[in-house]
């Protein structure tokens, strides 16, 4: 679960910041891409950015796939909350935004 600042997941974007914050606020929850799109549409997370971020998080083993679901369903891997928190805290806040 090593994600560096120069990896795609480590690069700051408003969509990734919103997704990471949402996952940290609900660390024991399962998510589908659709869940993230619906819950984060008001902060500008598009279907494309939610989908891409989820696949990158799966590849980095920050989230794990939850078996038994028709749609791709993921949850934070054990210890992944610390990885996401570290990434958020490494980014400069924009316009008074609290990242983590």
PDB file of N, CA and C in Angstrom:
ATOM      1  N   UNK A   1       0.821  -1.178   0.000  1.00  0.00           N
ATOM      2  CA  UNK A   1       0.000   0.000   0.000  1.00  0.00           C
ATOM      3  C   UNK A   1       0.874   1.254   0.000  1.00  0.00           C
ATOM      4  N   UNK A   2       1.921   1.224  -0.791  1.00  0.00           N
ATOM      5  CA  UNK A   2       2.795   2.377  -0.866  1.00  0.00           C
ATOM      6  C   UNK A   2       2.359   3.248  -2.033  1.00  0.00           C
ATOM      7  N   UNK A   3       1.928   4.444  -1.723  1.00  0.00           N
ATOM      8  CA  UNK A   3       1.526   5.417  -2.735  1.00  0.00           C
ATOM      9  C   UNK A   3       2.390   6.647  -2.515  1.00  0.00           C
ATOM     10  N   UNK A   4       3.118   7.018  -3.540  1.00  0.00           N
ATOM     11  CA  UNK A   4       3.996   8.171  -3.425  1.00  0.00           C
ATOM     12  C   UNK A   4       3.309   9.412  -3.985  1.00  0.00           C
ATOM     13  N   UNK A   5       3.855  10.559  -3.635  1.00  0.00           N
ATOM     14  CA  UNK A   5       3.273  11.826  -4.082  1.00  0.00           C
ATOM     15  C   UNK A   5       3.334  11.976  -5.597  1.00  0.00           C
ATOM     16  N   UNK A   6       4.284  11.309  -6.248  1.00  0.00           N
ATOM     17  CA  UNK A   6       4.378  11.442  -7.699  1.00  0.00           C
ATOM     18  C   UNK A   6       3.587  10.370  -8.451  1.00  0.00           C
ATOM     19  N   UNK A   7       2.934   9.449  -7.725  1.00  0.00           N
ATOM     20  CA  UNK A   7       2.050   8.491  -8.393  1.00  0.00           C
ATOM     21  C   UNK A   7       0.728   9.187  -8.688  1.00  0.00           C
ATOM     22  N   UNK A   8      -0.046   8.629  -9.594  1.00  0.00           N
ATOM     23  CA  UNK A   8      -1.307   9.265  -9.965  1.00  0.00           C
ATOM     24  C   UNK A   8      -2.224   9.433  -8.748  1.00  0.00           C
ATOM     25  N   UNK A   9      -2.303   8.428  -7.892  1.00  0.00           N
ATOM     26  CA  UNK A   9      -3.150   8.543  -6.692  1.00  0.00           C
ATOM     27  C   UNK A   9      -2.626   9.590  -5.724  1.00  0.00           C
ATOM     28  N   UNK A  10      -1.350   9.888  -5.798  1.00  0.00           N
ATOM     29  CA  UNK A  10      -0.752  10.864  -4.904  1.00  0.00           C
ATOM     30  C   UNK A  10      -0.815  12.289  -5.408  1.00  0.00           C
ATOM     31  N   UNK A  11      -1.236  12.467  -6.648  1.00  0.00           N
ATOM     32  CA  UNK A  11      -1.349  13.815  -7.210  1.00  0.00           C
ATOM     33  C   UNK A  11      -2.672  14.444  -6.795  1.00  0.00           C
ATOM     34  N   UNK A  12      -2.601  15.660  -6.346  1.00  0.00           N
ATOM     35  CA  UNK A  12      -3.793  16.338  -5.849  1.00  0.00           C
ATOM     36  C   UNK A  12      -4.761  16.669  -6.972  1.00  0.00           C
ATOM     37  N   UNK A  13      -6.008  16.308  -6.756  1.00  0.00           N
ATOM     38  CA  UNK A  13      -7.094  16.738  -7.635  1.00  0.00           C
ATOM     39  C   UNK A  13      -8.320  16.923  -6.743  1.00  0.00           C
ATOM     40  N   UNK A  14      -9.193  17.852  -7.093  1.00  0.00           N
ATOM     41  CA  UNK A  14     -10.392  18.045  -6.274  1.00  0.00           C
ATOM     42  C   UNK A  14     -11.242  16.775  -6.167  1.00  0.00           C
ATOM     43  N   UNK A  15     -11.329  15.998  -7.247  1.00  0.00           N
ATOM     44  CA  UNK A  15     -12.131  14.767  -7.208  1.00  0.00           C
ATOM     45  C   UNK A  15     -11.520  13.733  -6.285  1.00  0.00           C
ATOM     46  N   UNK A  16     -10.211  13.517  -6.418  1.00  0.00           N
ATOM     47  CA  UNK A  16      -9.560  12.538  -5.537  1.00  0.00           C
ATOM     48  C   UNK A  16      -9.662  12.984  -4.083  1.00  0.00           C
ATOM     49  N   UNK A  17      -9.464  14.273  -3.816  1.00  0.00           N
ATOM     50  CA  UNK A  17      -9.572  14.771  -2.440  1.00  0.00           C
ATOM     51  C   UNK A  17     -10.964  14.506  -1.880  1.00  0.00           C
ATOM     52  N   UNK A  18     -11.999  14.757  -2.674  1.00  0.00           N
ATOM     53  CA  UNK A  18     -13.377  14.524  -2.213  1.00  0.00           C
ATOM     54  C   UNK A  18     -13.629  13.046  -1.956  1.00  0.00           C
ATOM     55  N   UNK A  19     -13.146  12.182  -2.842  1.00  0.00           N
ATOM     56  CA  UNK A  19     -13.331  10.733  -2.673  1.00  0.00           C
ATOM     57  C   UNK A  19     -12.585  10.244  -1.442  1.00  0.00           C
ATOM     58  N   UNK A  20     -11.345  10.657  -1.274  1.00  0.00           N
ATOM     59  CA  UNK A  20     -10.562  10.226  -0.109  1.00  0.00           C
ATOM     60  C   UNK A  20     -11.224  10.694   1.188  1.00  0.00           C
ATOM     61  N   UNK A  21     -11.646  11.971   1.227  1.00  0.00           N
ATOM     62  CA  UNK A  21     -12.313  12.485   2.433  1.00  0.00           C
ATOM     63  C   UNK A  21     -13.586  11.703   2.736  1.00  0.00           C
ATOM     64  N   UNK A  22     -14.351  11.400   1.697  1.00  0.00           N
ATOM     65  CA  UNK A  22     -15.596  10.652   1.889  1.00  0.00           C
ATOM     66  C   UNK A  22     -15.300   9.255   2.436  1.00  0.00           C
ATOM     67  N   UNK A  23     -14.301   8.609   1.894  1.00  0.00           N
ATOM     68  CA  UNK A  23     -13.942   7.267   2.381  1.00  0.00           C
ATOM     69  C   UNK A  23     -13.445   7.312   3.814  1.00  0.00           C
ATOM     70  N   UNK A  24     -12.683   8.330   4.153  1.00  0.00           N
ATOM     71  CA  UNK A  24     -12.192   8.449   5.530  1.00  0.00           C
ATOM     72  C   UNK A  24     -13.313   8.765   6.513  1.00  0.00           C
ATOM     73  N   UNK A  25     -14.320   9.480   6.061  1.00  0.00           N
ATOM     74  CA  UNK A  25     -15.455   9.801   6.934  1.00  0.00           C
ATOM     75  C   UNK A  25     -16.345   8.589   7.168  1.00  0.00           C
ATOM     76  N   UNK A  26     -16.237   7.595   6.290  1.00  0.00           N
ATOM     77  CA  UNK A  26     -17.068   6.384   6.359  1.00  0.00           C
ATOM     78  C   UNK A  26     -16.184   5.150   6.169  1.00  0.00           C
ATOM     79  N   UNK A  27     -15.209   4.920   7.040  1.00  0.00           N
ATOM     80  CA  UNK A  27     -14.175   3.911   6.777  1.00  0.00           C
ATOM     81  C   UNK A  27     -14.650   2.455   6.765  1.00  0.00           C
ATOM     82  N   UNK A  28     -15.797   2.165   7.334  1.00  0.00           N
ATOM     83  CA  UNK A  28     -16.270   0.776   7.377  1.00  0.00           C
ATOM     84  C   UNK A  28     -17.352   0.481   6.342  1.00  0.00           C
ATOM     85  N   UNK A  29     -17.597   1.420   5.463  1.00  0.00           N
ATOM     86  CA  UNK A  29     -18.661   1.307   4.479  1.00  0.00           C
ATOM     87  C   UNK A  29     -18.167   0.646   3.197  1.00  0.00           C
ATOM     88  N   UNK A  30     -19.069   0.010   2.473  1.00  0.00           N
ATOM     89  CA  UNK A  30     -18.781  -0.501   1.134  1.00  0.00           C
ATOM     90  C   UNK A  30     -19.262   0.527   0.120  1.00  0.00           C
ATOM     91  N   UNK A  31     -18.549   0.661  -1.001  1.00  0.00           N
ATOM     92  CA  UNK A  31     -18.915   1.630  -2.036  1.00  0.00           C
ATOM     93  C   UNK A  31     -18.938   0.986  -3.410  1.00  0.00           C
ATOM     94  N   UNK A  32     -19.824   1.501  -4.241  1.00  0.00           N
ATOM     95  CA  UNK A  32     -19.768   1.251  -5.676  1.00  0.00           C
ATOM     96  C   UNK A  32     -19.420   2.600  -6.311  1.00  0.00           C
ATOM     97  N   UNK A  33     -19.019   2.556  -7.568  1.00  0.00           N
ATOM     98  CA  UNK A  33     -18.747   3.803  -8.275  1.00  0.00           C
ATOM     99  C   UNK A  33     -19.995   4.679  -8.263  1.00  0.00           C
ATOM    100  N   UNK A  34     -21.140   4.068  -8.472  1.00  0.00           N
ATOM    101  CA  UNK A  34     -22.407   4.807  -8.485  1.00  0.00           C
ATOM    102  C   UNK A  34     -22.654   5.516  -7.149  1.00  0.00           C
ATOM    103  N   UNK A  35     -22.363   4.823  -6.037  1.00  0.00           N
ATOM    104  CA  UNK A  35     -22.513   5.452  -4.717  1.00  0.00           C
ATOM    105  C   UNK A  35     -21.686   6.735  -4.625  1.00  0.00           C
ATOM    106  N   UNK A  36     -20.437   6.650  -5.070  1.00  0.00           N
ATOM    107  CA  UNK A  36     -19.558   7.814  -4.992  1.00  0.00           C
ATOM    108  C   UNK A  36     -20.060   8.949  -5.883  1.00  0.00           C
ATOM    109  N   UNK A  37     -20.523   8.602  -7.077  1.00  0.00           N
ATOM    110  CA  UNK A  37     -21.030   9.617  -8.004  1.00  0.00           C
ATOM    111  C   UNK A  37     -22.228  10.336  -7.394  1.00  0.00           C
ATOM    112  N   UNK A  38     -23.163   9.572  -6.858  1.00  0.00           N
ATOM    113  CA  UNK A  38     -24.378  10.163  -6.281  1.00  0.00           C
ATOM    114  C   UNK A  38     -24.046  11.014  -5.058  1.00  0.00           C
ATOM    115  N   UNK A  39     -23.223  10.485  -4.178  1.00  0.00           N
ATOM    116  CA  UNK A  39     -22.934  11.198  -2.928  1.00  0.00           C
ATOM    117  C   UNK A  39     -22.022  12.403  -3.115  1.00  0.00           C
ATOM    118  N   UNK A  40     -21.209  12.392  -4.188  1.00  0.00           N
ATOM    119  CA  UNK A  40     -20.221  13.460  -4.353  1.00  0.00           C
ATOM    120  C   UNK A  40     -20.466  14.335  -5.580  1.00  0.00           C
ATOM    121  N   UNK A  41     -21.609  14.189  -6.209  1.00  0.00           N
ATOM    122  CA  UNK A  41     -21.919  15.000  -7.393  1.00  0.00           C
ATOM    123  C   UNK A  41     -21.933  16.489  -7.067  1.00  0.00           C
ATOM    124  N   UNK A  42     -22.387  16.832  -5.880  1.00  0.00           N
ATOM    125  CA  UNK A  42     -22.480  18.246  -5.508  1.00  0.00           C
ATOM    126  C   UNK A  42     -21.123  18.917  -5.343  1.00  0.00           C
ATOM    127  N   UNK A  43     -20.054  18.135  -5.227  1.00  0.00           N
ATOM    128  CA  UNK A  43     -18.703  18.709  -5.153  1.00  0.00           C
ATOM    129  C   UNK A  43     -17.925  18.485  -6.451  1.00  0.00           C
ATOM    130  N   UNK A  44     -18.629  18.062  -7.496  1.00  0.00           N
ATOM    131  CA  UNK A  44     -18.029  17.996  -8.824  1.00  0.00           C
ATOM    132  C   UNK A  44     -17.328  16.707  -9.193  1.00  0.00           C
ATOM    133  N   UNK A  45     -17.584  15.622  -8.482  1.00  0.00           N
ATOM    134  CA  UNK A  45     -16.967  14.340  -8.849  1.00  0.00           C
ATOM    135  C   UNK A  45     -17.768  13.739  -9.999  1.00  0.00           C
ATOM    136  N   UNK A  46     -17.118  13.570 -11.129  1.00  0.00           N
ATOM    137  CA  UNK A  46     -17.777  13.021 -12.314  1.00  0.00           C
ATOM    138  C   UNK A  46     -17.721  11.495 -12.294  1.00  0.00           C
ATOM    139  N   UNK A  47     -18.532  10.891 -13.134  1.00  0.00           N
ATOM    140  CA  UNK A  47     -18.536   9.426 -13.253  1.00  0.00           C
ATOM    141  C   UNK A  47     -17.163   8.938 -13.681  1.00  0.00           C
ATOM    142  N   UNK A  48     -16.565   9.628 -14.621  1.00  0.00           N
ATOM    143  CA  UNK A  48     -15.252   9.223 -15.117  1.00  0.00           C
ATOM    144  C   UNK A  48     -14.180   9.286 -14.029  1.00  0.00           C
ATOM    145  N   UNK A  49     -14.157  10.384 -13.261  1.00  0.00           N
ATOM    146  CA  UNK A  49     -13.135  10.506 -12.224  1.00  0.00           C
ATOM    147  C   UNK A  49     -13.380   9.527 -11.080  1.00  0.00           C
ATOM    148  N   UNK A  50     -14.635   9.278 -10.725  1.00  0.00           N
ATOM    149  CA  UNK A  50     -14.934   8.299  -9.670  1.00  0.00           C
ATOM    150  C   UNK A  50     -14.505   6.908 -10.111  1.00  0.00           C
ATOM    151  N   UNK A  51     -14.850   6.535 -11.332  1.00  0.00           N
ATOM    152  CA  UNK A  51     -14.499   5.205 -11.856  1.00  0.00           C
ATOM    153  C   UNK A  51     -12.985   5.030 -11.915  1.00  0.00           C
ATOM    154  N   UNK A  52     -12.292   6.014 -12.473  1.00  0.00           N
ATOM    155  CA  UNK A  52     -10.838   5.919 -12.599  1.00  0.00           C
ATOM    156  C   UNK A  52     -10.172   5.821 -11.228  1.00  0.00           C
ATOM    157  N   UNK A  53     -10.640   6.625 -10.283  1.00  0.00           N
ATOM    158  CA  UNK A  53     -10.056   6.605  -8.941  1.00  0.00           C
ATOM    159  C   UNK A  53     -10.277   5.270  -8.257  1.00  0.00           C
ATOM    160  N   UNK A  54     -11.474   4.704  -8.377  1.00  0.00           N
ATOM    161  CA  UNK A  54     -11.750   3.401  -7.756  1.00  0.00           C
ATOM    162  C   UNK A  54     -10.834   2.330  -8.344  1.00  0.00           C
ATOM    163  N   UNK A  55     -10.677   2.310  -9.664  1.00  0.00           N
ATOM    164  CA  UNK A  55      -9.794   1.305 -10.273  1.00  0.00           C
ATOM    165  C   UNK A  55      -8.348   1.489  -9.848  1.00  0.00           C
ATOM    166  N   UNK A  56      -7.899   2.728  -9.722  1.00  0.00           N
ATOM    167  CA  UNK A  56      -6.539   2.978  -9.241  1.00  0.00           C
ATOM    168  C   UNK A  56      -6.379   2.553  -7.784  1.00  0.00           C
ATOM    169  N   UNK A  57      -7.401   2.796  -6.970  1.00  0.00           N
ATOM    170  CA  UNK A  57      -7.355   2.375  -5.560  1.00  0.00           C
ATOM    171  C   UNK A  57      -7.333   0.858  -5.440  1.00  0.00           C
ATOM    172  N   UNK A  58      -8.067   0.162  -6.300  1.00  0.00           N
ATOM    173  CA  UNK A  58      -8.038  -1.305  -6.312  1.00  0.00           C
ATOM    174  C   UNK A  58      -6.634  -1.778  -6.683  1.00  0.00           C
ATOM    175  N   UNK A  59      -6.076  -1.202  -7.744  1.00  0.00           N
ATOM    176  CA  UNK A  59      -4.751  -1.605  -8.209  1.00  0.00           C
ATOM    177  C   UNK A  59      -3.689  -1.376  -7.139  1.00  0.00           C
ATOM    178  N   UNK A  60      -3.821  -0.289  -6.371  1.00  0.00           N
ATOM    179  CA  UNK A  60      -2.855   0.023  -5.312  1.00  0.00           C
ATOM    180  C   UNK A  60      -3.143  -0.730  -4.018  1.00  0.00           C
ATOM    181  N   UNK A  61      -4.213  -1.504  -4.005  1.00  0.00           N
ATOM    182  CA  UNK A  61      -4.630  -2.287  -2.831  1.00  0.00           C
ATOM    183  C   UNK A  61      -5.005  -1.412  -1.639  1.00  0.00           C
ATOM    184  N   UNK A  62      -5.478  -0.210  -1.935  1.00  0.00           N
ATOM    185  CA  UNK A  62      -5.981   0.667  -0.890  1.00  0.00           C
ATOM    186  C   UNK A  62      -7.423   0.289  -0.576  1.00  0.00           C
ATOM    187  N   UNK A  63      -8.128  -0.160  -1.589  1.00  0.00           N
ATOM    188  CA  UNK A  63      -9.453  -0.747  -1.379  1.00  0.00           C
ATOM    189  C   UNK A  63      -9.409  -2.189  -1.867  1.00  0.00           C
ATOM    190  N   UNK A  64     -10.276  -2.992  -1.298  1.00  0.00           N
ATOM    191  CA  UNK A  64     -10.403  -4.386  -1.729  1.00  0.00           C
ATOM    192  C   UNK A  64     -11.802  -4.598  -2.272  1.00  0.00           C
ATOM    193  N   UNK A  65     -11.911  -5.500  -3.229  1.00  0.00           N
ATOM    194  CA  UNK A  65     -13.216  -5.816  -3.785  1.00  0.00           C
ATOM    195  C   UNK A  65     -14.003  -6.675  -2.806  1.00  0.00           C
ATOM    196  N   UNK A  66     -15.283  -6.369  -2.668  1.00  0.00           N
ATOM    197  CA  UNK A  66     -16.172  -7.110  -1.786  1.00  0.00           C
ATOM    198  C   UNK A  66     -16.858  -8.173  -2.639  1.00  0.00           C
ATOM    199  N   UNK A  67     -16.636  -9.443  -2.333  1.00  0.00           N
ATOM    200  CA  UNK A  67     -17.241 -10.495  -3.155  1.00  0.00           C
ATOM    201  C   UNK A  67     -18.757 -10.573  -2.972  1.00  0.00           C
ATOM    202  N   UNK A  68     -19.413 -11.179  -3.957  1.00  0.00           N
ATOM    203  CA  UNK A  68     -20.839 -11.436  -3.851  1.00  0.00           C
ATOM    204  C   UNK A  68     -21.730 -10.319  -4.347  1.00  0.00           C
ATOM    205  N   UNK A  69     -21.156  -9.346  -5.031  1.00  0.00           N
ATOM    206  CA  UNK A  69     -21.937  -8.230  -5.564  1.00  0.00           C
ATOM    207  C   UNK A  69     -21.862  -8.237  -7.082  1.00  0.00           C
ATOM    208  N   UNK A  70     -22.964  -7.905  -7.707  1.00  0.00           N
ATOM    209  CA  UNK A  70     -22.999  -7.852  -9.163  1.00  0.00           C
ATOM    210  C   UNK A  70     -22.159  -6.695  -9.673  1.00  0.00           C
ATOM    211  N   UNK A  71     -22.280  -5.536  -9.040  1.00  0.00           N
ATOM    212  CA  UNK A  71     -21.474  -4.367  -9.402  1.00  0.00           C
ATOM    213  C   UNK A  71     -20.187  -4.369  -8.588  1.00  0.00           C
ATOM    214  N   UNK A  72     -19.155  -3.769  -9.165  1.00  0.00           N
ATOM    215  CA  UNK A  72     -17.896  -3.640  -8.442  1.00  0.00           C
ATOM    216  C   UNK A  72     -18.161  -2.902  -7.133  1.00  0.00           C
ATOM    217  N   UNK A  73     -17.892  -3.573  -6.038  1.00  0.00           N
ATOM    218  CA  UNK A  73     -18.104  -3.021  -4.708  1.00  0.00           C
ATOM    219  C   UNK A  73     -16.781  -3.119  -3.962  1.00  0.00           C
ATOM    220  N   UNK A  74     -16.378  -2.024  -3.337  1.00  0.00           N
ATOM    221  CA  UNK A  74     -15.081  -1.989  -2.657  1.00  0.00           C
ATOM    222  C   UNK A  74     -15.244  -1.459  -1.242  1.00  0.00           C
ATOM    223  N   UNK A  75     -14.221  -1.730  -0.445  1.00  0.00           N
ATOM    224  CA  UNK A  75     -14.119  -1.146   0.900  1.00  0.00           C
ATOM    225  C   UNK A  75     -12.642  -0.901   1.181  1.00  0.00           C
ATOM    226  N   UNK A  76     -12.378  -0.020   2.131  1.00  0.00           N
ATOM    227  CA  UNK A  76     -10.991   0.267   2.482  1.00  0.00           C
ATOM    228  C   UNK A  76     -10.300  -0.996   2.979  1.00  0.00           C
ATOM    229  N   UNK A  77      -9.081  -1.200   2.529  1.00  0.00           N
ATOM    230  CA  UNK A  77      -8.266  -2.305   3.029  1.00  0.00           C
ATOM    231  C   UNK A  77      -7.801  -1.954   4.441  1.00  0.00           C
ATOM    232  N   UNK A  78      -7.409  -2.961   5.175  1.00  0.00           N
ATOM    233  CA  UNK A  78      -6.925  -2.724   6.534  1.00  0.00           C
ATOM    234  C   UNK A  78      -5.713  -1.797   6.487  1.00  0.00           C
ATOM    235  N   UNK A  79      -5.736  -0.736   7.259  1.00  0.00           N
ATOM    236  CA  UNK A  79      -4.639   0.220   7.319  1.00  0.00           C
ATOM    237  C   UNK A  79      -4.648   1.276   6.223  1.00  0.00           C
ATOM    238  N   UNK A  80      -5.563   1.161   5.279  1.00  0.00           N
ATOM    239  CA  UNK A  80      -5.596   2.095   4.151  1.00  0.00           C
ATOM    240  C   UNK A  80      -6.029   3.491   4.572  1.00  0.00           C
ATOM    241  N   UNK A  81      -6.769   3.592   5.660  1.00  0.00           N
ATOM    242  CA  UNK A  81      -7.185   4.914   6.118  1.00  0.00           C
ATOM    243  C   UNK A  81      -5.972   5.789   6.421  1.00  0.00           C
ATOM    244  N   UNK A  82      -4.935   5.194   6.967  1.00  0.00           N
ATOM    245  CA  UNK A  82      -3.717   5.955   7.262  1.00  0.00           C
ATOM    246  C   UNK A  82      -3.030   6.416   5.971  1.00  0.00           C
ATOM    247  N   UNK A  83      -3.039   5.585   4.949  1.00  0.00           N
ATOM    248  CA  UNK A  83      -2.458   5.962   3.661  1.00  0.00           C
ATOM    249  C   UNK A  83      -3.205   7.143   3.056  1.00  0.00           C
ATOM    250  N   UNK A  84      -4.529   7.079   3.058  1.00  0.00           N
ATOM    251  CA  UNK A  84      -5.320   8.178   2.500  1.00  0.00           C
ATOM    252  C   UNK A  84      -5.141   9.450   3.324  1.00  0.00           C
ATOM    253  N   UNK A  85      -5.105   9.320   4.631  1.00  0.00           N
ATOM    254  CA  UNK A  85      -4.924  10.488   5.507  1.00  0.00           C
ATOM    255  C   UNK A  85      -3.553  11.132   5.246  1.00  0.00           C
ATOM    256  N   UNK A  86      -2.526  10.302   5.079  1.00  0.00           N
ATOM    257  CA  UNK A  86      -1.181  10.816   4.805  1.00  0.00           C
ATOM    258  C   UNK A  86      -1.152  11.570   3.481  1.00  0.00           C
ATOM    259  N   UNK A  87      -1.810  11.016   2.461  1.00  0.00           N
ATOM    260  CA  UNK A  87      -1.871  11.696   1.167  1.00  0.00           C
ATOM    261  C   UNK A  87      -2.589  13.041   1.278  1.00  0.00           C
ATOM    262  N   UNK A  88      -3.746  13.032   1.912  1.00  0.00           N
ATOM    263  CA  UNK A  88      -4.502  14.275   2.062  1.00  0.00           C
ATOM    264  C   UNK A  88      -3.691  15.332   2.813  1.00  0.00           C
ATOM    265  N   UNK A  89      -3.003  14.908   3.854  1.00  0.00           N
ATOM    266  CA  UNK A  89      -2.228  15.855   4.652  1.00  0.00           C
ATOM    267  C   UNK A  89      -0.984  16.359   3.931  1.00  0.00           C
ATOM    268  N   UNK A  90      -0.547  15.657   2.890  1.00  0.00           N
ATOM    269  CA  UNK A  90       0.633  16.094   2.137  1.00  0.00           C
ATOM    270  C   UNK A  90       0.288  17.141   1.087  1.00  0.00           C
ATOM    271  N   UNK A  91      -1.012  17.303   0.810  1.00  0.00           N
ATOM    272  CA  UNK A  91      -1.451  18.261  -0.212  1.00  0.00           C
ATOM    273  C   UNK A  91      -1.731  19.616   0.422  1.00  0.00           C
ATOM    274  N   UNK A  92      -1.410  20.666  -0.309  1.00  0.00           N
ATOM    275  CA  UNK A  92      -1.788  21.996   0.203  1.00  0.00           C
ATOM    276  C   UNK A  92      -3.309  22.160   0.108  1.00  0.00           C
ATOM    277  N   UNK A  93      -3.885  22.757   1.122  1.00  0.00           N
ATOM    278  CA  UNK A  93      -5.328  23.041   1.108  1.00  0.00           C
ATOM    279  C   UNK A  93      -5.594  24.190   0.149  1.00  0.00           C
ATOM    280  N   UNK A  94      -6.730  24.145  -0.502  1.00  0.00           N
ATOM    281  CA  UNK A  94      -7.128  25.202  -1.423  1.00  0.00           C
ATOM    282  C   UNK A  94      -8.272  25.995  -0.827  1.00  0.00           C
ATOM    283  N   UNK A  95      -8.162  27.300  -0.857  1.00  0.00           N
ATOM    284  CA  UNK A  95      -9.234  28.187  -0.417  1.00  0.00           C
ATOM    285  C   UNK A  95      -9.791  27.824   0.958  1.00  0.00           C
ATOM    286  N   UNK A  96      -8.931  27.572   1.916  1.00  0.00           N
ATOM    287  CA  UNK A  96      -9.367  27.283   3.269  1.00  0.00           C
ATOM    288  C   UNK A  96      -9.946  25.902   3.468  1.00  0.00           C
ATOM    289  N   UNK A  97      -9.815  25.042   2.488  1.00  0.00           N
ATOM    290  CA  UNK A  97     -10.365  23.694   2.544  1.00  0.00           C
ATOM    291  C   UNK A  97      -9.632  22.871   3.607  1.00  0.00           C
ATOM    292  N   UNK A  98     -10.377  22.116   4.392  1.00  0.00           N
ATOM    293  CA  UNK A  98      -9.785  21.172   5.337  1.00  0.00           C
ATOM    294  C   UNK A  98      -9.730  19.814   4.653  1.00  0.00           C
ATOM    295  N   UNK A  99      -8.543  19.253   4.492  1.00  0.00           N
ATOM    296  CA  UNK A  99      -8.413  18.010   3.738  1.00  0.00           C
ATOM    297  C   UNK A  99      -8.661  16.783   4.591  1.00  0.00           C
ATOM    298  N   UNK A 100      -8.094  16.709   5.762  1.00  0.00           N
ATOM    299  CA  UNK A 100      -8.287  15.499   6.565  1.00  0.00           C
ATOM    300  C   UNK A 100      -8.493  15.833   8.016  1.00  0.00           C
TER     301      UNK A 100
END
